[in-house]
Every structure is written in C-alpha cells, then in structure tokens.
C-alpha cells in the first residue's frame, strides 16, 4: 500500500489543515438557511455535510471528482476507487498496486461461511451481506489501531486498510450469497488474474460467452459507485463512522439503509412494472397508445410511473443514458428491454401532460434491472446486493477522507413538535 498511502498522506495533511482553518476563522459564517419544510421533510437539501468524492447537479447529474459520469463508463472500477480517494487516476505503478490490493485478501475467512450457512434458507440476500460484513469486524485494522492508542490523525491509514480488505472480499461474499441463496451450485473461488469487476462476474457464474456480461458488471460498479454523501446509505455510514466506529460497523449500517424500499429497492420495482407490461401484452412491445393508456391509469389511480422522477435531478439521469446505450447496443432485440426503451419515448410526454411531476425524466433504476435480467440474473432480491457492492467504493472512500480530515462526531439538534409549532407561531 506504499504508493496509495503516500499519495493519501499529502491529501490528509491538506484536508485536516484546511478544515481546521475554516472552522477557526469562519465558525459563525452562515452557509445557508433552513426552512420548516426542510426540517419536516427529512432535512432534504439542508447544507450540512461535506462530500468531496462526488456531486449531483439537478441540471447535469452525477460527477465523480468533478468528472461527468458518462466520461467514466469505460473506466475500471479499481481506478474509480483511486479517483474517489485521491481526486486523480492512478499511474501504471499505482494501478499495479491497486490490482494487488483488490486481490490479495479476496479469500474469505471460514467463519463467515459458517455464519451464512447457518442462516435460514429464506434469509434476504441483503441481510446475508450485511451480516457477513459485520461478522468480519473482528478483522478491522482501524479498531486494532485505535485500541493500541494510535493518534486520531493517523487513523485514516487504517481505515484505508479496512477499505481494501472490505472491497477485496465483498465481491467474493456477494457472489457466494447469490449462488447459495438461489441454489446455483458451489461457491466459485476468486482468481488473481482478473480485475475486480471481471472477477465478480466470473464468481456469479452466469453465462458470458461474449464478455458482455463482464462489461456490464464493470460499468454497473462504476455507475453506482457513489452519489454524494446525503443519501440514506452514505449518510448512515458516515454518521456511524463519525463515532469512530470502523468501516465494517459503518458499512453494514449503510447497507441496512440501502435495503429500504425508498432507496435501494427501486430497481426491483421498475423491472417488476416492465415485466407486468410484458406479460399483459403477450410478450410483445405495446404500441405507443397502449403504453400511454397504462401510464395514465397508473397516474389517475394516484401511483407513480416506476423509474421516472428523481429527488434531485431535473434531467435524464446520465446513468440511465449509459445503461440505455448499452442495452441498445447489446440487447436491442429483447422485448423486455424494448419496453424499457418505449417507456423512455412515451413516459416523459405523459408526465409532462399530467403536469404534477417535478421531473419527468428516467433515473438509473429505469434501465439497470432489465439488463441484469437479460443476462440471466432474474432473482430480484439480489439486485440490492449488486447496488451495495457497487456503493462500497464510494462509502469506503468517503469514510477514509472523513477520518483524514478529522471530521467530528455527527450530532444535529433535535426539535420537539411543540417547539417547532411555537417557532412557527402555531400555538
């Protein structure tokens, strides 16, 4: 870890110095205003944290370290993790070290398999993944360093060690969960000659005659790697980590947030909607009028069109664009993807005419599930695990940087209902 640690050391010194200076000189400087609507609406949009790894602009979408996500779709996931941590791509020497770090600890301890095998056969795959990560907490270099008295300004180094330990094993664990939970056969051991994404695709054991599934998995890992720090999974992990809990505690907590229907389960709901349409129209792609009629029926019943709209974006999610382009190139003749494509043509028009949606454009979930389904991953319950494996990169990078910057414990102020009523003059 010499190369990446040396690069991160300079970053850590700069971050810590800048944060201390800002806190000292601008302690009373206001950075925004908070409305009652934000407090009552899930503190949405409140400027309350710093996230250097990525940003999401309403009119553009996701940027990783200020690089538009559509410019990164061909990048290796390992390179993206390095970019998230350092703000730059690795050189050849650093890339070689990265490959070693992502493979040298890919063998999972026996006790993790023992715990997973002891769980009920119908356990949710996300419960299995979160449990496996938490069980590995005993391996944490961060906790061992803290327990032996390492200074807080040095703890980021051990969080980085934990990050590589977690990332090198999470694909092995997730792939094994897929095979175990859905009766796909024996676990497939990782290979040291494959990159991280290719290894994950290989261990899942799905057919990949032309390497397109491997290409999809690499892109999937990149597109879902990070999405600012305020989403439920990242914010949860950051909050837990702010108490100096190690990465295994923190990421397991973040996974539990990701498992919620309003966060990581959205791609399942989108694909379910598409499959219902596929069945209703006898396996054929419905006409424009037929599809519009279905969407109007949904909207008139008070429901939403799955996969359309976004809490932040007001344009087509560029991650959808990446998946959509991949689908057009590789499975354009597939009827299920054809419905996804036809929805993209019709849904924005219907939503615009309906007039109530703040954003009529598709988000990433509108396409991602259909591609996994096309390549043989038809077990919906596992889709959130795929999301979680991807998001491990962003969350791990955020926590490394938080410890490097010396971010204090998260402790927002709570209000009572009576108190806010008094503030609003409602008593």
Protein backbone atom coordinates (compact mmCIF):
# COMPACT_ATOMS: atom_id res chain seq x y z
CA UNK A 1 0.00 0.00 0.00
CA UNK A 2 3.02 2.26 -0.15
CA UNK A 3 2.05 4.24 -3.25
CA UNK A 4 -1.57 5.00 -2.45
CA UNK A 5 -0.76 5.63 1.23
CA UNK A 6 1.95 8.13 0.28
CA UNK A 7 -0.46 9.94 -2.04
CA UNK A 8 -3.20 9.96 0.59
CA UNK A 9 -0.81 11.28 3.25
CA UNK A 10 -0.43 14.60 1.45
CA UNK A 11 -4.17 14.78 0.90
CA UNK A 12 -4.84 14.06 4.58
CA UNK A 13 -2.48 16.80 5.76
CA UNK A 14 -4.10 19.33 3.43
CA UNK A 15 -7.65 18.33 4.32
CA UNK A 16 -7.04 18.48 8.05
CA UNK A 17 -5.29 21.83 7.83
CA UNK A 18 -7.98 23.37 5.64
CA UNK A 19 -10.84 22.12 7.79
CA UNK A 20 -9.23 23.40 10.98
CA UNK A 21 -8.60 26.79 9.42
CA UNK A 22 -12.14 27.11 8.11
CA UNK A 23 -13.63 26.03 11.44
CA UNK A 24 -11.49 28.53 13.31
CA UNK A 25 -11.88 31.54 11.04
CA UNK A 26 -15.47 31.04 9.92
CA UNK A 27 -17.16 29.46 12.89
CA UNK A 28 -20.06 31.93 12.76
CA UNK A 29 -20.29 32.32 8.98
CA UNK A 30 -23.66 31.24 7.62
CA UNK A 31 -23.61 28.83 4.68
CA UNK A 32 -27.37 28.67 4.12
CA UNK A 33 -30.82 28.90 5.62
CA UNK A 34 -33.07 26.08 6.81
CA UNK A 35 -36.81 26.19 6.28
CA UNK A 36 -39.50 24.47 8.28
CA UNK A 37 -40.33 22.50 5.15
CA UNK A 38 -36.82 21.06 5.10
CA UNK A 39 -36.93 20.13 8.78
CA UNK A 40 -40.33 18.48 8.36
CA UNK A 41 -39.41 16.91 5.03
CA UNK A 42 -36.47 14.71 6.01
CA UNK A 43 -33.89 17.57 6.20
CA UNK A 44 -33.87 17.45 2.40
CA UNK A 45 -31.43 19.86 0.81
CA UNK A 46 -30.01 21.15 4.08
CA UNK A 47 -26.31 22.06 3.54
CA UNK A 48 -24.97 20.11 6.49
CA UNK A 49 -22.04 17.98 5.34
CA UNK A 50 -19.01 17.99 3.05
CA UNK A 51 -18.62 15.32 0.38
CA UNK A 52 -15.58 15.65 -1.87
CA UNK A 53 -15.99 12.37 -3.74
CA UNK A 54 -18.98 13.28 -5.91
CA UNK A 55 -21.66 15.87 -6.61
CA UNK A 56 -25.13 15.69 -8.12
CA UNK A 57 -26.33 18.73 -10.05
CA UNK A 58 -30.04 19.00 -10.84
CA UNK A 59 -29.35 20.02 -14.44
CA UNK A 60 -26.50 17.62 -15.17
CA UNK A 61 -26.41 14.63 -12.86
CA UNK A 62 -23.57 12.79 -11.18
CA UNK A 63 -19.95 13.90 -11.31
CA UNK A 64 -17.19 11.82 -9.74
CA UNK A 65 -14.46 14.19 -8.58
CA UNK A 66 -15.92 16.77 -10.98
CA UNK A 67 -15.82 14.39 -13.95
CA UNK A 68 -19.23 13.73 -15.59
CA UNK A 69 -20.18 10.11 -15.01
CA UNK A 70 -20.73 9.48 -18.73
CA UNK A 71 -17.00 10.08 -19.26
CA UNK A 72 -16.18 7.26 -16.83
CA UNK A 73 -18.27 4.38 -18.14
CA UNK A 74 -15.26 2.60 -19.67
CA UNK A 75 -13.06 3.01 -16.58
CA UNK A 76 -12.02 0.11 -14.40
CA UNK A 77 -13.79 0.10 -11.00
CA UNK A 78 -10.39 -0.04 -9.23
CA UNK A 79 -9.41 3.18 -10.99
CA UNK A 80 -12.66 4.76 -9.85
CA UNK A 81 -11.92 3.91 -6.22
CA UNK A 82 -8.48 5.51 -6.55
CA UNK A 83 -10.13 8.54 -8.16
CA UNK A 84 -12.70 8.79 -5.37
CA UNK A 85 -9.98 8.73 -2.72
CA UNK A 86 -7.33 10.92 -4.34
CA UNK A 87 -9.03 13.04 -6.97
CA UNK A 88 -6.82 11.63 -9.75
CA UNK A 89 -6.45 8.47 -11.81
CA UNK A 90 -3.68 6.02 -10.92
CA UNK A 91 -0.47 5.81 -12.93
CA UNK A 92 0.82 2.44 -14.10
CA UNK A 93 2.67 1.67 -10.87
CA UNK A 94 -0.29 2.68 -8.74
CA UNK A 95 -2.61 0.61 -10.92
CA UNK A 96 -0.42 -2.46 -10.41
CA UNK A 97 -0.54 -1.90 -6.66
CA UNK A 98 -4.31 -1.47 -6.80
CA UNK A 99 -4.74 -4.82 -8.53
CA UNK A 100 -2.71 -6.49 -5.80
CA UNK A 101 -4.69 -4.78 -3.05
CA UNK A 102 -8.00 -5.82 -4.62
CA UNK A 103 -6.94 -9.46 -4.94
CA UNK A 104 -4.52 -10.31 -2.12
CA UNK A 105 -7.24 -10.54 0.56
CA UNK A 106 -10.06 -11.95 -1.57
CA UNK A 107 -10.09 -15.24 0.36
CA UNK A 108 -12.92 -15.01 2.89
CA UNK A 109 -12.46 -16.34 6.48
CA UNK A 110 -14.10 -19.69 7.19
CA UNK A 111 -16.28 -18.30 9.97
CA UNK A 112 -18.08 -16.00 7.52
CA UNK A 113 -19.16 -19.02 5.50
CA UNK A 114 -20.18 -20.79 8.71
CA UNK A 115 -22.43 -17.91 9.71
CA UNK A 116 -24.00 -17.60 6.25
CA UNK A 117 -24.62 -21.33 6.03
CA UNK A 118 -26.28 -21.29 9.46
CA UNK A 119 -28.79 -18.61 8.43
CA UNK A 120 -32.34 -19.61 7.40
CA UNK A 121 -32.51 -20.61 3.74
CA UNK A 122 -35.04 -17.88 3.00
CA UNK A 123 -32.98 -15.04 4.53
CA UNK A 124 -32.95 -11.94 2.38
CA UNK A 125 -29.66 -11.59 0.44
CA UNK A 126 -29.16 -8.09 1.89
CA UNK A 127 -29.46 -9.47 5.41
CA UNK A 128 -26.85 -12.05 4.50
CA UNK A 129 -24.47 -9.45 3.05
CA UNK A 130 -24.87 -7.04 5.96
CA UNK A 131 -24.36 -9.88 8.44
CA UNK A 132 -21.25 -11.15 6.65
CA UNK A 133 -19.71 -7.66 6.66
CA UNK A 134 -20.49 -7.18 10.33
CA UNK A 135 -19.10 -10.59 11.24
CA UNK A 136 -15.78 -9.58 9.68
CA UNK A 137 -15.48 -6.63 12.05
CA UNK A 138 -13.00 -8.66 14.11
CA UNK A 139 -10.57 -8.21 11.18
CA UNK A 140 -10.63 -4.40 11.37
CA UNK A 141 -7.19 -2.77 11.27
CA UNK A 142 -8.84 0.51 12.25
CA UNK A 143 -10.23 -0.82 15.52
CA UNK A 144 -6.95 -2.54 16.35
CA UNK A 145 -5.08 0.72 15.72
CA UNK A 146 -7.47 2.71 17.91
CA UNK A 147 -7.28 0.12 20.69
CA UNK A 148 -3.48 0.35 20.73
CA UNK A 149 -3.53 4.13 21.05
CA UNK A 150 -2.84 5.35 17.52
CA UNK A 151 -3.49 9.08 17.19
CA UNK A 152 -6.69 10.24 15.51
CA UNK A 153 -4.68 11.98 12.81
CA UNK A 154 -3.27 8.59 11.75
CA UNK A 155 -6.47 6.56 11.82
CA UNK A 156 -7.27 7.27 8.16
CA UNK A 157 -4.41 4.95 7.18
CA UNK A 158 -6.09 2.05 8.94
CA UNK A 159 -9.50 2.99 7.53
CA UNK A 160 -7.83 2.73 4.11
CA UNK A 161 -6.50 -0.73 5.01
CA UNK A 162 -10.02 -1.73 6.05
CA UNK A 163 -11.34 -0.36 2.75
CA UNK A 164 -9.11 -2.62 0.68
CA UNK A 165 -9.90 -5.56 2.95
CA UNK A 166 -13.63 -4.95 2.54
CA UNK A 167 -13.52 -4.33 -1.21
CA UNK A 168 -11.33 -7.35 -1.93
CA UNK A 169 -13.79 -9.64 -0.13
CA UNK A 170 -17.22 -8.16 -0.76
CA UNK A 171 -17.45 -9.46 -4.33
CA UNK A 172 -16.45 -12.95 -3.20
CA UNK A 173 -19.07 -12.84 -0.44
CA UNK A 174 -21.81 -11.36 -2.63
CA UNK A 175 -21.26 -13.86 -5.43
CA UNK A 176 -21.31 -16.72 -2.91
CA UNK A 177 -24.56 -15.40 -1.44
CA UNK A 178 -26.09 -15.40 -4.92
CA UNK A 179 -25.10 -18.99 -5.54
CA UNK A 180 -26.01 -20.17 -2.04
CA UNK A 181 -29.32 -18.36 -1.70
CA UNK A 182 -30.64 -19.25 -5.16
CA UNK A 183 -29.30 -22.80 -5.48
CA UNK A 184 -26.78 -22.02 -8.20
CA UNK A 185 -24.25 -24.60 -7.07
CA UNK A 186 -20.96 -24.45 -5.20
CA UNK A 187 -19.13 -21.22 -4.46
CA UNK A 188 -16.69 -20.13 -7.17
CA UNK A 189 -13.28 -19.13 -5.85
CA UNK A 190 -11.82 -15.77 -6.97
CA UNK A 191 -9.00 -15.58 -9.49
CA UNK A 192 -5.93 -13.40 -9.07
CA UNK A 193 -5.53 -12.79 -12.80
CA UNK A 194 -8.83 -10.95 -13.22
CA UNK A 195 -9.72 -7.35 -12.45
CA UNK A 196 -12.27 -6.65 -9.71
CA UNK A 197 -15.31 -6.36 -11.96
CA UNK A 198 -14.39 -9.33 -14.13
CA UNK A 199 -13.78 -11.44 -11.03
CA UNK A 200 -17.22 -10.55 -9.67
CA UNK A 201 -18.87 -11.51 -12.97
CA UNK A 202 -16.87 -14.76 -13.04
CA UNK A 203 -17.79 -15.74 -9.46
CA UNK A 204 -21.51 -15.11 -10.06
CA UNK A 205 -21.29 -17.95 -12.55
CA UNK A 206 -23.75 -16.64 -15.14
CA UNK A 207 -23.19 -17.35 -18.86
CA UNK A 208 -20.89 -14.82 -20.51
CA UNK A 209 -19.96 -16.14 -23.92
CA UNK A 210 -19.01 -12.79 -25.44
CA UNK A 211 -17.83 -10.99 -22.24
CA UNK A 212 -20.73 -8.54 -22.47
CA UNK A 213 -21.95 -9.51 -19.01
CA UNK A 214 -18.49 -8.75 -17.62
CA UNK A 215 -18.58 -5.41 -19.42
CA UNK A 216 -21.99 -4.70 -17.89
CA UNK A 217 -20.79 -5.59 -14.38
CA UNK A 218 -17.77 -3.29 -14.67
CA UNK A 219 -19.99 -0.45 -15.83
CA UNK A 220 -22.59 -1.22 -13.15
CA UNK A 221 -19.95 -0.98 -10.43
CA UNK A 222 -18.77 2.36 -11.79
CA UNK A 223 -22.20 3.93 -12.30
CA UNK A 224 -23.42 3.03 -8.80
CA UNK A 225 -20.12 3.69 -7.01
CA UNK A 226 -21.06 6.99 -5.37
CA UNK A 227 -23.85 9.57 -5.23
CA UNK A 228 -22.90 12.34 -2.79
CA UNK A 229 -22.98 11.87 0.97
CA UNK A 230 -26.58 12.74 1.80
CA UNK A 231 -28.34 9.62 0.53
CA UNK A 232 -29.54 7.25 3.24
CA UNK A 233 -26.80 4.61 2.91
CA UNK A 234 -23.87 7.04 2.68
CA UNK A 235 -25.25 9.37 5.37
CA UNK A 236 -25.89 6.44 7.71
CA UNK A 237 -22.39 5.06 7.21
CA UNK A 238 -20.86 8.50 7.73
CA UNK A 239 -22.87 9.04 10.90
CA UNK A 240 -21.83 5.70 12.37
CA UNK A 241 -18.21 6.28 11.35
CA UNK A 242 -18.20 9.73 12.94
CA UNK A 243 -18.32 7.97 16.33
CA UNK A 244 -15.02 6.31 15.26
CA UNK A 245 -16.74 3.03 14.54
CA UNK A 246 -14.71 1.10 11.99
CA UNK A 247 -15.64 0.50 8.35
CA UNK A 248 -17.31 -2.86 8.98
CA UNK A 249 -19.72 -1.42 11.55
CA UNK A 250 -20.33 1.63 9.39
CA UNK A 251 -20.80 -0.04 6.03
CA UNK A 252 -23.05 -2.74 7.47
CA UNK A 253 -25.26 0.04 8.85
CA UNK A 254 -25.25 1.76 5.47
CA UNK A 255 -26.33 -1.47 3.78
CA UNK A 256 -29.29 -1.69 6.13
CA UNK A 257 -30.39 1.74 4.93
CA UNK A 258 -29.82 0.78 1.31
CA UNK A 259 -32.18 -2.17 1.77
CA UNK A 260 -35.15 0.15 2.26
CA UNK A 261 -37.91 0.35 -0.38
CA UNK A 262 -37.34 4.10 -0.80
CA UNK A 263 -33.63 3.68 -1.54
CA UNK A 264 -32.05 0.55 -2.98
CA UNK A 265 -35.15 -1.46 -3.86
CA UNK A 266 -36.29 0.91 -6.60
CA UNK A 267 -34.72 -1.05 -9.47
CA UNK A 268 -36.71 -4.13 -8.47
CA UNK A 269 -39.96 -2.18 -8.63
CA UNK A 270 -39.07 -0.76 -12.04
CA UNK A 271 -38.34 -4.17 -13.51
CA UNK A 272 -41.49 -5.64 -11.95
CA UNK A 273 -43.51 -2.96 -13.74
CA UNK A 274 -41.82 -3.74 -17.05
CA UNK A 275 -42.38 -7.49 -16.65
CA UNK A 276 -46.06 -6.92 -15.84
CA UNK A 277 -46.39 -4.99 -19.10
CA UNK A 278 -44.50 -7.74 -20.92
CA UNK A 279 -46.93 -10.37 -19.62
CA UNK A 280 -50.04 -8.26 -20.17
CA UNK A 281 -49.20 -7.71 -23.83
CA UNK A 282 -48.30 -11.33 -24.50
CA UNK A 283 -44.56 -10.89 -24.65
CA UNK A 284 -44.76 -8.13 -27.22
CA UNK A 285 -43.82 -4.47 -27.02
CA UNK A 286 -47.04 -2.45 -26.62
CA UNK A 287 -47.86 0.35 -29.02
CA UNK A 288 -47.42 3.98 -28.06
CA UNK A 289 -51.14 4.35 -27.40
CA UNK A 290 -51.33 1.14 -25.36
CA UNK A 291 -48.39 2.16 -23.22
CA UNK A 292 -49.70 5.70 -22.73
CA UNK A 293 -53.05 4.26 -21.61
CA UNK A 294 -51.31 2.08 -19.00
CA UNK A 295 -49.38 5.05 -17.63
CA UNK A 296 -52.44 7.26 -17.44
CA UNK A 297 -54.22 4.52 -15.50
CA UNK A 298 -51.33 4.46 -13.01
CA UNK A 299 -51.27 8.22 -12.59
CA UNK A 300 -55.04 8.54 -12.29
CA UNK A 301 -55.02 5.94 -9.50
CA UNK A 302 -52.54 8.05 -7.53
CA UNK A 303 -49.50 5.93 -8.30
CA UNK A 304 -46.25 6.87 -9.99
CA UNK A 305 -44.50 5.54 -13.08
CA UNK A 306 -41.64 3.42 -11.67
CA UNK A 307 -38.22 4.67 -12.69
CA UNK A 308 -39.32 8.19 -13.55
CA UNK A 309 -38.54 11.21 -11.41
CA UNK A 310 -35.67 11.90 -9.04
CA UNK A 311 -35.31 13.74 -5.74
CA UNK A 312 -32.53 15.97 -7.11
CA UNK A 313 -32.28 15.63 -10.90
CA UNK A 314 -34.39 17.59 -13.36
CA UNK A 315 -32.93 15.92 -16.46
CA UNK A 316 -32.46 12.36 -17.68
CA UNK A 317 -30.14 10.61 -15.25
CA UNK A 318 -26.85 10.17 -17.17
CA UNK A 319 -26.50 6.75 -15.54
CA UNK A 320 -29.76 5.77 -17.27
CA UNK A 321 -28.28 7.06 -20.50
CA UNK A 322 -25.24 4.81 -20.05
CA UNK A 323 -27.36 1.72 -19.36
CA UNK A 324 -29.79 2.61 -22.15
CA UNK A 325 -26.96 2.98 -24.67
CA UNK A 326 -25.52 -0.36 -23.54
CA UNK A 327 -28.90 -2.02 -23.97
CA UNK A 328 -29.42 -0.56 -27.44
CA UNK A 329 -26.03 -1.94 -28.49
CA UNK A 330 -26.29 -5.37 -26.89
CA UNK A 331 -29.92 -6.40 -26.40
CA UNK A 332 -31.92 -4.16 -28.72
CA UNK A 333 -33.98 -7.14 -29.96
CA UNK A 334 -35.07 -8.17 -26.46
CA UNK A 335 -38.75 -7.48 -25.82
CA UNK A 336 -38.25 -6.57 -22.17
CA UNK A 337 -35.56 -4.04 -22.97
CA UNK A 338 -37.78 -2.89 -25.82
CA UNK A 339 -40.45 -1.93 -23.27
CA UNK A 340 -37.82 -0.01 -21.29
CA UNK A 341 -36.88 1.82 -24.48
CA UNK A 342 -40.51 2.51 -25.39
CA UNK A 343 -41.21 3.84 -21.87
CA UNK A 344 -38.36 6.31 -22.37
CA UNK A 345 -40.08 7.55 -25.52
CA UNK A 346 -43.57 7.84 -24.03
CA UNK A 347 -43.38 8.38 -20.24
CA UNK A 348 -41.91 11.92 -20.28
CA UNK A 349 -44.69 13.06 -22.64
CA UNK A 350 -47.41 11.58 -20.42
CA UNK A 351 -45.86 13.01 -17.25
CA UNK A 352 -45.49 16.44 -18.87
CA UNK A 353 -49.14 16.41 -19.90
CA UNK A 354 -50.11 15.20 -16.42
CA UNK A 355 -48.34 18.22 -15.03
CA UNK A 356 -47.65 17.18 -11.44
CA UNK A 357 -44.18 15.63 -11.66
CA UNK A 358 -41.22 17.87 -10.83
CA UNK A 359 -39.03 15.68 -13.03
CA UNK A 360 -40.46 13.72 -15.95
CA UNK A 361 -37.21 12.00 -16.92
CA UNK A 362 -35.91 8.49 -16.11
CA UNK A 363 -33.50 7.71 -13.29
CA UNK A 364 -30.90 4.96 -13.23
CA UNK A 365 -33.36 2.37 -11.91
CA UNK A 366 -35.48 2.57 -15.06
CA UNK A 367 -32.90 0.54 -17.02
CA UNK A 368 -30.43 -1.23 -14.72
CA UNK A 369 -32.66 -4.14 -13.67
CA UNK A 370 -33.69 -5.03 -17.22
CA UNK A 371 -30.05 -5.54 -18.22
CA UNK A 372 -29.27 -7.79 -15.25
CA UNK A 373 -32.41 -9.75 -16.12
CA UNK A 374 -31.38 -10.10 -19.76
CA UNK A 375 -28.04 -11.64 -18.81
CA UNK A 376 -29.67 -14.23 -16.56
CA UNK A 377 -29.84 -12.62 -13.12
CA UNK A 378 -33.58 -12.98 -12.64
CA UNK A 379 -33.62 -13.08 -8.85
CA UNK A 380 -34.95 -9.63 -7.92
CA UNK A 381 -33.99 -9.92 -4.27
CA UNK A 382 -30.34 -9.91 -5.24
CA UNK A 383 -30.42 -6.61 -7.14
CA UNK A 384 -29.94 -4.55 -3.99
CA UNK A 385 -26.85 -6.60 -3.17
CA UNK A 386 -25.45 -5.58 -6.56
CA UNK A 387 -26.14 -1.97 -5.63
CA UNK A 388 -24.47 -2.46 -2.24
CA UNK A 389 -21.31 -3.98 -3.72
CA UNK A 390 -21.01 -1.01 -6.05
CA UNK A 391 -21.67 1.58 -3.36
CA UNK A 392 -18.97 0.06 -1.15
CA UNK A 393 -16.40 2.01 -3.16
CA UNK A 394 -17.99 5.40 -2.59
CA UNK A 395 -18.81 4.87 1.06
CA UNK A 396 -15.33 3.48 1.82
CA UNK A 397 -13.70 6.44 0.07
CA UNK A 398 -15.91 8.91 1.94
CA UNK A 399 -15.03 7.38 5.30
CA UNK A 400 -11.29 7.34 4.53
CA UNK A 401 -11.46 11.04 3.67
CA UNK A 402 -13.60 11.82 6.72
CA UNK A 403 -11.01 10.31 9.01
CA UNK A 404 -8.22 12.04 7.06
CA UNK A 405 -9.97 15.38 7.56
CA UNK A 406 -10.69 14.73 11.23
CA UNK A 407 -14.45 15.12 10.84
CA UNK A 408 -16.09 15.31 14.30
CA UNK A 409 -18.98 13.22 15.54
CA UNK A 410 -22.32 13.94 13.84
CA UNK A 411 -24.78 15.48 16.29
CA UNK A 412 -27.65 17.55 14.81
CA UNK A 413 -30.04 19.35 17.11
CA UNK A 414 -33.45 17.79 17.63
CA UNK A 415 -36.67 19.79 17.92
CA UNK A 416 -39.94 18.84 19.58
CA UNK A 417 -43.24 19.15 17.75
CA UNK A 418 -44.34 21.67 20.36
CA UNK A 419 -41.11 23.60 19.93
CA UNK A 420 -41.37 23.95 16.17
CA UNK A 421 -45.05 24.89 16.43
CA UNK A 422 -44.01 27.71 18.76
CA UNK A 423 -41.30 28.81 16.30
CA UNK A 424 -43.90 28.88 13.54
CA UNK A 425 -46.42 30.78 15.61
CA UNK A 426 -48.92 27.92 15.58
CA UNK A 427 -49.63 27.83 19.35
